[in-house]
Amino acid sequence: PKAFTALGSNGQPLAKEVNSPTKVLGVKTAADGTKTTT
């Protein structure tokens, strides 16, 4: 997070991030072929 240079939608200090790490934890497949990706 950067220093407080802007305000969020609540009017309070905002720290902006460019990106956050993303990872697929797992995939479960049901008998009918439906997949649940976490």
PDB file of all heavy atoms in Angstrom:
ATOM      1  N   PRO A   1       0.824  -1.204   0.000  1.00  0.00           N
ATOM      2  CA  PRO A   1       0.000   0.000   0.000  1.00  0.00           C
ATOM      3  C   PRO A   1       0.860   1.257   0.000  1.00  0.00           C
ATOM      4  O   PRO A   1       1.877   1.330   0.678  1.00  0.00           O
ATOM      5  CB  PRO A   1      -0.805  -0.110   1.301  1.00  0.00           C
ATOM      6  CG  PRO A   1      -0.820  -1.564   1.611  1.00  0.00           C
ATOM      7  CD  PRO A   1       0.510  -2.086   1.128  1.00  0.00           C
ATOM      8  N   LYS A   2       0.401   2.258  -0.783  1.00  0.00           N
ATOM      9  CA  LYS A   2       1.119   3.517  -0.833  1.00  0.00           C
ATOM     10  C   LYS A   2       0.685   4.406   0.331  1.00  0.00           C
ATOM     11  O   LYS A   2      -0.238   4.109   1.066  1.00  0.00           O
ATOM     12  CB  LYS A   2       0.834   4.225  -2.164  1.00  0.00           C
ATOM     13  CG  LYS A   2       1.348   3.440  -3.372  1.00  0.00           C
ATOM     14  CD  LYS A   2       1.021   4.164  -4.658  1.00  0.00           C
ATOM     15  CE  LYS A   2       1.504   3.385  -5.870  1.00  0.00           C
ATOM     16  NZ  LYS A   2       1.169   4.063  -7.134  1.00  0.00           N
ATOM     17  N   ALA A   3       1.370   5.538   0.458  1.00  0.00           N
ATOM     18  CA  ALA A   3       1.028   6.478   1.524  1.00  0.00           C
ATOM     19  C   ALA A   3      -0.364   7.063   1.278  1.00  0.00           C
ATOM     20  O   ALA A   3      -0.881   7.009   0.175  1.00  0.00           O
ATOM     21  CB  ALA A   3       2.074   7.594   1.568  1.00  0.00           C
ATOM     22  N   PHE A   4      -0.961   7.647   2.317  1.00  0.00           N
ATOM     23  CA  PHE A   4      -2.297   8.208   2.201  1.00  0.00           C
ATOM     24  C   PHE A   4      -2.247   9.470   1.344  1.00  0.00           C
ATOM     25  O   PHE A   4      -1.878  10.539   1.808  1.00  0.00           O
ATOM     26  CB  PHE A   4      -2.848   8.534   3.593  1.00  0.00           C
ATOM     27  CG  PHE A   4      -2.969   7.338   4.482  1.00  0.00           C
ATOM     28  CD1 PHE A   4      -2.252   7.253   5.662  1.00  0.00           C
ATOM     29  CD2 PHE A   4      -3.789   6.283   4.125  1.00  0.00           C
ATOM     30  CE1 PHE A   4      -2.374   6.143   6.470  1.00  0.00           C
ATOM     31  CE2 PHE A   4      -3.917   5.178   4.933  1.00  0.00           C
ATOM     32  CZ  PHE A   4      -3.201   5.103   6.117  1.00  0.00           C
ATOM     33  N   THR A   5      -2.624   9.360   0.083  1.00  0.00           N
ATOM     34  CA  THR A   5      -2.604  10.512  -0.814  1.00  0.00           C
ATOM     35  C   THR A   5      -3.974  10.782  -1.411  1.00  0.00           C
ATOM     36  O   THR A   5      -4.146  11.718  -2.153  1.00  0.00           O
ATOM     37  CB  THR A   5      -1.603  10.277  -1.959  1.00  0.00           C
ATOM     38  OG1 THR A   5      -1.963   9.063  -2.643  1.00  0.00           O
ATOM     39  CG2 THR A   5      -0.192  10.141  -1.429  1.00  0.00           C
ATOM     40  N   ALA A   6      -4.962   9.944  -1.131  1.00  0.00           N
ATOM     41  CA  ALA A   6      -6.292  10.125  -1.692  1.00  0.00           C
ATOM     42  C   ALA A   6      -7.309   9.645  -0.673  1.00  0.00           C
ATOM     43  O   ALA A   6      -6.962   9.114   0.374  1.00  0.00           O
ATOM     44  CB  ALA A   6      -6.414   9.354  -3.005  1.00  0.00           C
ATOM     45  N   LEU A   7      -8.574   9.836  -1.001  1.00  0.00           N
ATOM     46  CA  LEU A   7      -9.646   9.426  -0.115  1.00  0.00           C
ATOM     47  C   LEU A   7     -10.446   8.303  -0.741  1.00  0.00           C
ATOM     48  O   LEU A   7     -10.633   8.252  -1.951  1.00  0.00           O
ATOM     49  CB  LEU A   7     -10.572  10.612   0.191  1.00  0.00           C
ATOM     50  CG  LEU A   7      -9.943  11.800   0.919  1.00  0.00           C
ATOM     51  CD1 LEU A   7     -10.990  12.890   1.111  1.00  0.00           C
ATOM     52  CD2 LEU A   7      -9.349  11.377   2.250  1.00  0.00           C
ATOM     53  N   GLY A   8     -10.936   7.394   0.107  1.00  0.00           N
ATOM     54  CA  GLY A   8     -11.798   6.327  -0.355  1.00  0.00           C
ATOM     55  C   GLY A   8     -13.232   6.806  -0.455  1.00  0.00           C
ATOM     56  O   GLY A   8     -13.551   7.968  -0.198  1.00  0.00           O
ATOM     57  N   SER A   9     -14.135   5.876  -0.831  1.00  0.00           N
ATOM     58  CA  SER A   9     -15.537   6.241  -1.010  1.00  0.00           C
ATOM     59  C   SER A   9     -16.219   6.605   0.298  1.00  0.00           C
ATOM     60  O   SER A   9     -17.328   7.125   0.297  1.00  0.00           O
ATOM     61  CB  SER A   9     -16.283   5.075  -1.669  1.00  0.00           C
ATOM     62  OG  SER A   9     -16.214   3.920  -0.864  1.00  0.00           O
ATOM     63  N   ASN A  10     -15.550   6.343   1.424  1.00  0.00           N
ATOM     64  CA  ASN A  10     -16.112   6.760   2.714  1.00  0.00           C
ATOM     65  C   ASN A  10     -15.551   8.091   3.190  1.00  0.00           C
ATOM     66  O   ASN A  10     -15.813   8.526   4.296  1.00  0.00           O
ATOM     67  CB  ASN A  10     -15.819   5.694   3.777  1.00  0.00           C
ATOM     68  CG  ASN A  10     -14.332   5.531   4.045  1.00  0.00           C
ATOM     69  OD1 ASN A  10     -13.502   5.991   3.266  1.00  0.00           O
ATOM     70  ND2 ASN A  10     -13.991   4.869   5.133  1.00  0.00           N
ATOM     71  N   GLY A  11     -14.750   8.759   2.338  1.00  0.00           N
ATOM     72  CA  GLY A  11     -14.163  10.037   2.711  1.00  0.00           C
ATOM     73  C   GLY A  11     -12.954   9.928   3.601  1.00  0.00           C
ATOM     74  O   GLY A  11     -12.426  10.921   4.077  1.00  0.00           O
ATOM     75  N   GLN A  12     -12.480   8.695   3.822  1.00  0.00           N
ATOM     76  CA  GLN A  12     -11.343   8.460   4.705  1.00  0.00           C
ATOM     77  C   GLN A  12     -10.094   8.121   3.875  1.00  0.00           C
ATOM     78  O   GLN A  12     -10.163   7.913   2.674  1.00  0.00           O
ATOM     79  CB  GLN A  12     -11.672   7.315   5.666  1.00  0.00           C
ATOM     80  CG  GLN A  12     -12.846   7.617   6.592  1.00  0.00           C
ATOM     81  CD  GLN A  12     -12.624   8.890   7.385  1.00  0.00           C
ATOM     82  OE1 GLN A  12     -11.590   9.069   8.009  1.00  0.00           O
ATOM     83  NE2 GLN A  12     -13.591   9.790   7.341  1.00  0.00           N
ATOM     84  N   PRO A  13      -8.901   8.078   4.506  1.00  0.00           N
ATOM     85  CA  PRO A  13      -7.663   7.863   3.758  1.00  0.00           C
ATOM     86  C   PRO A  13      -7.699   6.597   2.899  1.00  0.00           C
ATOM     87  O   PRO A  13      -8.205   5.559   3.310  1.00  0.00           O
ATOM     88  CB  PRO A  13      -6.603   7.741   4.868  1.00  0.00           C
ATOM     89  CG  PRO A  13      -7.179   8.503   6.011  1.00  0.00           C
ATOM     90  CD  PRO A  13      -8.651   8.272   5.943  1.00  0.00           C
ATOM     91  N   LEU A  14      -7.161   6.707   1.704  1.00  0.00           N
ATOM     92  CA  LEU A  14      -7.130   5.599   0.750  1.00  0.00           C
ATOM     93  C   LEU A  14      -5.692   5.236   0.409  1.00  0.00           C
ATOM     94  O   LEU A  14      -4.870   6.096   0.116  1.00  0.00           O
ATOM     95  CB  LEU A  14      -7.868   5.990  -0.532  1.00  0.00           C
ATOM     96  CG  LEU A  14      -7.711   5.047  -1.721  1.00  0.00           C
ATOM     97  CD1 LEU A  14      -8.393   3.721  -1.422  1.00  0.00           C
ATOM     98  CD2 LEU A  14      -8.286   5.673  -2.976  1.00  0.00           C
ATOM     99  N   ALA A  15      -5.381   3.939   0.468  1.00  0.00           N
ATOM    100  CA  ALA A  15      -4.105   3.443  -0.034  1.00  0.00           C
ATOM    101  C   ALA A  15      -4.414   2.582  -1.249  1.00  0.00           C
ATOM    102  O   ALA A  15      -5.255   1.695  -1.179  1.00  0.00           O
ATOM    103  CB  ALA A  15      -3.389   2.615   1.034  1.00  0.00           C
ATOM    104  N   LYS A  16      -3.771   2.866  -2.351  1.00  0.00           N
ATOM    105  CA  LYS A  16      -4.068   2.142  -3.592  1.00  0.00           C
ATOM    106  C   LYS A  16      -3.035   1.059  -3.850  1.00  0.00           C
ATOM    107  O   LYS A  16      -1.838   1.277  -3.672  1.00  0.00           O
ATOM    108  CB  LYS A  16      -4.090   3.100  -4.780  1.00  0.00           C
ATOM    109  CG  LYS A  16      -5.246   4.087  -4.754  1.00  0.00           C
ATOM    110  CD  LYS A  16      -5.255   4.932  -6.011  1.00  0.00           C
ATOM    111  CE  LYS A  16      -6.422   5.896  -6.006  1.00  0.00           C
ATOM    112  NZ  LYS A  16      -6.433   6.755  -7.203  1.00  0.00           N
ATOM    113  N   GLU A  17      -3.502  -0.098  -4.299  1.00  0.00           N
ATOM    114  CA  GLU A  17      -2.612  -1.163  -4.733  1.00  0.00           C
ATOM    115  C   GLU A  17      -2.811  -1.387  -6.225  1.00  0.00           C
ATOM    116  O   GLU A  17      -3.935  -1.292  -6.734  1.00  0.00           O
ATOM    117  CB  GLU A  17      -2.924  -2.458  -3.983  1.00  0.00           C
ATOM    118  CG  GLU A  17      -2.533  -2.428  -2.512  1.00  0.00           C
ATOM    119  CD  GLU A  17      -2.739  -3.781  -1.845  1.00  0.00           C
ATOM    120  OE1 GLU A  17      -3.691  -4.480  -2.228  1.00  0.00           O
ATOM    121  OE2 GLU A  17      -1.943  -4.130  -0.965  1.00  0.00           O
ATOM    122  N   VAL A  18      -1.755  -1.663  -6.915  1.00  0.00           N
ATOM    123  CA  VAL A  18      -1.839  -1.896  -8.347  1.00  0.00           C
ATOM    124  C   VAL A  18      -2.400  -3.280  -8.633  1.00  0.00           C
ATOM    125  O   VAL A  18      -3.238  -3.467  -9.502  1.00  0.00           O
ATOM    126  CB  VAL A  18      -0.451  -1.739  -9.005  1.00  0.00           C
ATOM    127  CG1 VAL A  18      -0.525  -2.089 -10.486  1.00  0.00           C
ATOM    128  CG2 VAL A  18       0.057  -0.319  -8.828  1.00  0.00           C
ATOM    129  N   ASN A  19      -1.955  -4.268  -7.873  1.00  0.00           N
ATOM    130  CA  ASN A  19      -2.357  -5.648  -8.135  1.00  0.00           C
ATOM    131  C   ASN A  19      -2.202  -6.453  -6.852  1.00  0.00           C
ATOM    132  O   ASN A  19      -1.467  -6.075  -5.952  1.00  0.00           O
ATOM    133  CB  ASN A  19      -1.484  -6.255  -9.240  1.00  0.00           C
ATOM    134  CG  ASN A  19      -2.065  -7.542  -9.791  1.00  0.00           C
ATOM    135  OD1 ASN A  19      -3.214  -7.872  -9.527  1.00  0.00           O
ATOM    136  ND2 ASN A  19      -1.277  -8.269 -10.556  1.00  0.00           N
ATOM    137  N   SER A  20      -2.914  -7.558  -6.774  1.00  0.00           N
ATOM    138  CA  SER A  20      -2.799  -8.473  -5.644  1.00  0.00           C
ATOM    139  C   SER A  20      -2.536  -9.876  -6.163  1.00  0.00           C
ATOM    140  O   SER A  20      -3.022 -10.253  -7.235  1.00  0.00           O
ATOM    141  CB  SER A  20      -4.095  -8.479  -4.818  1.00  0.00           C
ATOM    142  OG  SER A  20      -4.234  -7.269  -4.111  1.00  0.00           O
ATOM    143  N   PRO A  21      -1.765 -10.672  -5.421  1.00  0.00           N
ATOM    144  CA  PRO A  21      -1.465 -12.025  -5.889  1.00  0.00           C
ATOM    145  C   PRO A  21      -2.719 -12.886  -5.950  1.00  0.00           C
ATOM    146  O   PRO A  21      -3.577 -12.824  -5.068  1.00  0.00           O
ATOM    147  CB  PRO A  21      -0.475 -12.555  -4.844  1.00  0.00           C
ATOM    148  CG  PRO A  21      -0.752 -11.732  -3.615  1.00  0.00           C
ATOM    149  CD  PRO A  21      -1.155 -10.382  -4.109  1.00  0.00           C
ATOM    150  N   THR A  22      -2.826 -13.660  -7.017  1.00  0.00           N
ATOM    151  CA  THR A  22      -3.986 -14.515  -7.242  1.00  0.00           C
ATOM    152  C   THR A  22      -3.530 -15.943  -7.474  1.00  0.00           C
ATOM    153  O   THR A  22      -2.566 -16.187  -8.193  1.00  0.00           O
ATOM    154  CB  THR A  22      -4.778 -14.033  -8.471  1.00  0.00           C
ATOM    155  OG1 THR A  22      -5.131 -12.665  -8.282  1.00  0.00           O
ATOM    156  CG2 THR A  22      -6.030 -14.848  -8.676  1.00  0.00           C
ATOM    157  N   LYS A  23      -4.228 -16.879  -6.859  1.00  0.00           N
ATOM    158  CA  LYS A  23      -3.832 -18.278  -6.960  1.00  0.00           C
ATOM    159  C   LYS A  23      -5.064 -19.167  -6.941  1.00  0.00           C
ATOM    160  O   LYS A  23      -5.997 -18.936  -6.159  1.00  0.00           O
ATOM    161  CB  LYS A  23      -2.915 -18.654  -5.787  1.00  0.00           C
ATOM    162  CG  LYS A  23      -2.416 -20.093  -5.794  1.00  0.00           C
ATOM    163  CD  LYS A  23      -1.499 -20.330  -4.607  1.00  0.00           C
ATOM    164  CE  LYS A  23      -0.956 -21.749  -4.592  1.00  0.00           C
ATOM    165  NZ  LYS A  23      -0.059 -21.975  -3.427  1.00  0.00           N
ATOM    166  N   VAL A  24      -5.095 -20.157  -7.800  1.00  0.00           N
ATOM    167  CA  VAL A  24      -6.164 -21.155  -7.770  1.00  0.00           C
ATOM    168  C   VAL A  24      -5.829 -22.184  -6.701  1.00  0.00           C
ATOM    169  O   VAL A  24      -4.804 -22.869  -6.778  1.00  0.00           O
ATOM    170  CB  VAL A  24      -6.321 -21.837  -9.143  1.00  0.00           C
ATOM    171  CG1 VAL A  24      -7.352 -22.964  -9.061  1.00  0.00           C
ATOM    172  CG2 VAL A  24      -6.739 -20.826 -10.203  1.00  0.00           C
ATOM    173  N   LEU A  25      -6.693 -22.278  -5.693  1.00  0.00           N
ATOM    174  CA  LEU A  25      -6.444 -23.207  -4.594  1.00  0.00           C
ATOM    175  C   LEU A  25      -6.839 -24.636  -4.950  1.00  0.00           C
ATOM    176  O   LEU A  25      -6.245 -25.591  -4.456  1.00  0.00           O
ATOM    177  CB  LEU A  25      -7.207 -22.763  -3.345  1.00  0.00           C
ATOM    178  CG  LEU A  25      -6.737 -21.473  -2.676  1.00  0.00           C
ATOM    179  CD1 LEU A  25      -7.581 -21.202  -1.438  1.00  0.00           C
ATOM    180  CD2 LEU A  25      -5.265 -21.544  -2.306  1.00  0.00           C
ATOM    181  N   GLY A  26      -7.861 -24.777  -5.783  1.00  0.00           N
ATOM    182  CA  GLY A  26      -8.291 -26.119  -6.132  1.00  0.00           C
ATOM    183  C   GLY A  26      -9.546 -26.096  -6.981  1.00  0.00           C
ATOM    184  O   GLY A  26     -10.232 -25.083  -7.087  1.00  0.00           O
ATOM    185  N   VAL A  27      -9.822 -27.233  -7.605  1.00  0.00           N
ATOM    186  CA  VAL A  27     -10.998 -27.399  -8.450  1.00  0.00           C
ATOM    187  C   VAL A  27     -11.685 -28.703  -8.064  1.00  0.00           C
ATOM    188  O   VAL A  27     -11.045 -29.760  -8.028  1.00  0.00           O
ATOM    189  CB  VAL A  27     -10.634 -27.421  -9.950  1.00  0.00           C
ATOM    190  CG1 VAL A  27     -11.888 -27.600 -10.794  1.00  0.00           C
ATOM    191  CG2 VAL A  27      -9.884 -26.164 -10.347  1.00  0.00           C
ATOM    192  N   LYS A  28     -12.977 -28.617  -7.764  1.00  0.00           N
ATOM    193  CA  LYS A  28     -13.769 -29.808  -7.464  1.00  0.00           C
ATOM    194  C   LYS A  28     -14.758 -30.032  -8.596  1.00  0.00           C
ATOM    195  O   LYS A  28     -15.435 -29.103  -9.032  1.00  0.00           O
ATOM    196  CB  LYS A  28     -14.517 -29.645  -6.139  1.00  0.00           C
ATOM    197  CG  LYS A  28     -13.607 -29.515  -4.926  1.00  0.00           C
ATOM    198  CD  LYS A  28     -14.431 -29.344  -3.641  1.00  0.00           C
ATOM    199  CE  LYS A  28     -13.531 -29.198  -2.427  1.00  0.00           C
ATOM    200  NZ  LYS A  28     -14.320 -29.001  -1.177  1.00  0.00           N
ATOM    201  N   THR A  29     -14.833 -31.269  -9.064  1.00  0.00           N
ATOM    202  CA  THR A  29     -15.735 -31.607 -10.162  1.00  0.00           C
ATOM    203  C   THR A  29     -16.820 -32.552  -9.672  1.00  0.00           C
ATOM    204  O   THR A  29     -16.525 -33.620  -9.126  1.00  0.00           O
ATOM    205  CB  THR A  29     -14.966 -32.253 -11.323  1.00  0.00           C
ATOM    206  OG1 THR A  29     -13.911 -31.376 -11.747  1.00  0.00           O
ATOM    207  CG2 THR A  29     -15.896 -32.517 -12.498  1.00  0.00           C
ATOM    208  N   ALA A  30     -18.070 -32.143  -9.860  1.00  0.00           N
ATOM    209  CA  ALA A  30     -19.206 -32.967  -9.449  1.00  0.00           C
ATOM    210  C   ALA A  30     -19.504 -34.013 -10.519  1.00  0.00           C
ATOM    211  O   ALA A  30     -18.985 -33.965 -11.637  1.00  0.00           O
ATOM    212  CB  ALA A  30     -20.427 -32.089  -9.210  1.00  0.00           C
ATOM    213  N   ALA A  31     -20.363 -34.950 -10.170  1.00  0.00           N
ATOM    214  CA  ALA A  31     -20.692 -36.048 -11.089  1.00  0.00           C
ATOM    215  C   ALA A  31     -21.335 -35.548 -12.368  1.00  0.00           C
ATOM    216  O   ALA A  31     -21.174 -36.163 -13.441  1.00  0.00           O
ATOM    217  CB  ALA A  31     -21.611 -37.044 -10.386  1.00  0.00           C
ATOM    218  N   ASP A  32     -22.055 -34.418 -12.306  1.00  0.00           N
ATOM    219  CA  ASP A  32     -22.719 -33.894 -13.503  1.00  0.00           C
ATOM    220  C   ASP A  32     -21.815 -32.997 -14.336  1.00  0.00           C
ATOM    221  O   ASP A  32     -22.256 -32.391 -15.314  1.00  0.00           O
ATOM    222  CB  ASP A  32     -23.982 -33.128 -13.112  1.00  0.00           C
ATOM    223  CG  ASP A  32     -23.684 -31.892 -12.261  1.00  0.00           C
ATOM    224  OD1 ASP A  32     -22.502 -31.664 -11.916  1.00  0.00           O
ATOM    225  OD2 ASP A  32     -24.630 -31.158 -11.937  1.00  0.00           O
ATOM    226  N   GLY A  33     -20.541 -32.893 -13.971  1.00  0.00           N
ATOM    227  CA  GLY A  33     -19.582 -32.096 -14.726  1.00  0.00           C
ATOM    228  C   GLY A  33     -19.416 -30.673 -14.223  1.00  0.00           C
ATOM    229  O   GLY A  33     -18.552 -29.937 -14.711  1.00  0.00           O
ATOM    230  N   THR A  34     -20.217 -30.259 -13.242  1.00  0.00           N
ATOM    231  CA  THR A  34     -20.078 -28.923 -12.679  1.00  0.00           C
ATOM    232  C   THR A  34     -18.764 -28.812 -11.909  1.00  0.00           C
ATOM    233  O   THR A  34     -18.442 -29.673 -11.092  1.00  0.00           O
ATOM    234  CB  THR A  34     -21.250 -28.611 -11.735  1.00  0.00           C
ATOM    235  OG1 THR A  34     -22.473 -28.693 -12.459  1.00  0.00           O
ATOM    236  CG2 THR A  34     -21.105 -27.217 -11.142  1.00  0.00           C
ATOM    237  N   LYS A  35     -18.021 -27.749 -12.188  1.00  0.00           N
ATOM    238  CA  LYS A  35     -16.755 -27.514 -11.499  1.00  0.00           C
ATOM    239  C   LYS A  35     -16.871 -26.320 -10.564  1.00  0.00           C
ATOM    240  O   LYS A  35     -17.474 -25.304 -10.911  1.00  0.00           O
ATOM    241  CB  LYS A  35     -15.629 -27.264 -12.504  1.00  0.00           C
ATOM    242  CG  LYS A  35     -15.252 -28.475 -13.340  1.00  0.00           C
ATOM    243  CD  LYS A  35     -14.057 -28.177 -14.234  1.00  0.00           C
ATOM    244  CE  LYS A  35     -13.644 -29.420 -15.023  1.00  0.00           C
ATOM    245  NZ  LYS A  35     -12.474 -29.158 -15.893  1.00  0.00           N
ATOM    246  N   THR A  36     -16.297 -26.456  -9.372  1.00  0.00           N
ATOM    247  CA  THR A  36     -16.201 -25.340  -8.436  1.00  0.00           C
ATOM    248  C   THR A  36     -14.725 -25.003  -8.256  1.00  0.00           C
ATOM    249  O   THR A  36     -13.956 -25.794  -7.712  1.00  0.00           O
ATOM    250  CB  THR A  36     -16.841 -25.672  -7.086  1.00  0.00           C
ATOM    251  OG1 THR A  36     -18.221 -25.988  -7.279  1.00  0.00           O
ATOM    252  CG2 THR A  36     -16.726 -24.484  -6.133  1.00  0.00           C
ATOM    253  N   THR A  37     -14.337 -23.849  -8.758  1.00  0.00           N
ATOM    254  CA  THR A  37     -12.952 -23.385  -8.674  1.00  0.00           C
ATOM    255  C   THR A  37     -12.830 -22.383  -7.539  1.00  0.00           C
ATOM    256  O   THR A  37     -13.569 -21.395  -7.487  1.00  0.00           O
ATOM    257  CB  THR A  37     -12.522 -22.714  -9.988  1.00  0.00           C
ATOM    258  OG1 THR A  37     -12.681 -23.640 -11.069  1.00  0.00           O
ATOM    259  CG2 THR A  37     -11.066 -22.264  -9.920  1.00  0.00           C
ATOM    260  N   THR A  38     -11.919 -22.642  -6.613  1.00  0.00           N
ATOM    261  CA  THR A  38     -11.678 -21.726  -5.494  1.00  0.00           C
ATOM    262  C   THR A  38     -10.425 -20.916  -5.777  1.00  0.00           C
ATOM    263  O   THR A  38      -9.341 -21.474  -5.980  1.00  0.00           O
ATOM    264  CB  THR A  38     -11.516 -22.484  -4.173  1.00  0.00           C
ATOM    265  OG1 THR A  38     -12.713 -23.231  -3.909  1.00  0.00           O
ATOM    266  CG2 THR A  38     -11.268 -21.526  -3.024  1.00  0.00           C
TER     267      THR A  38
END
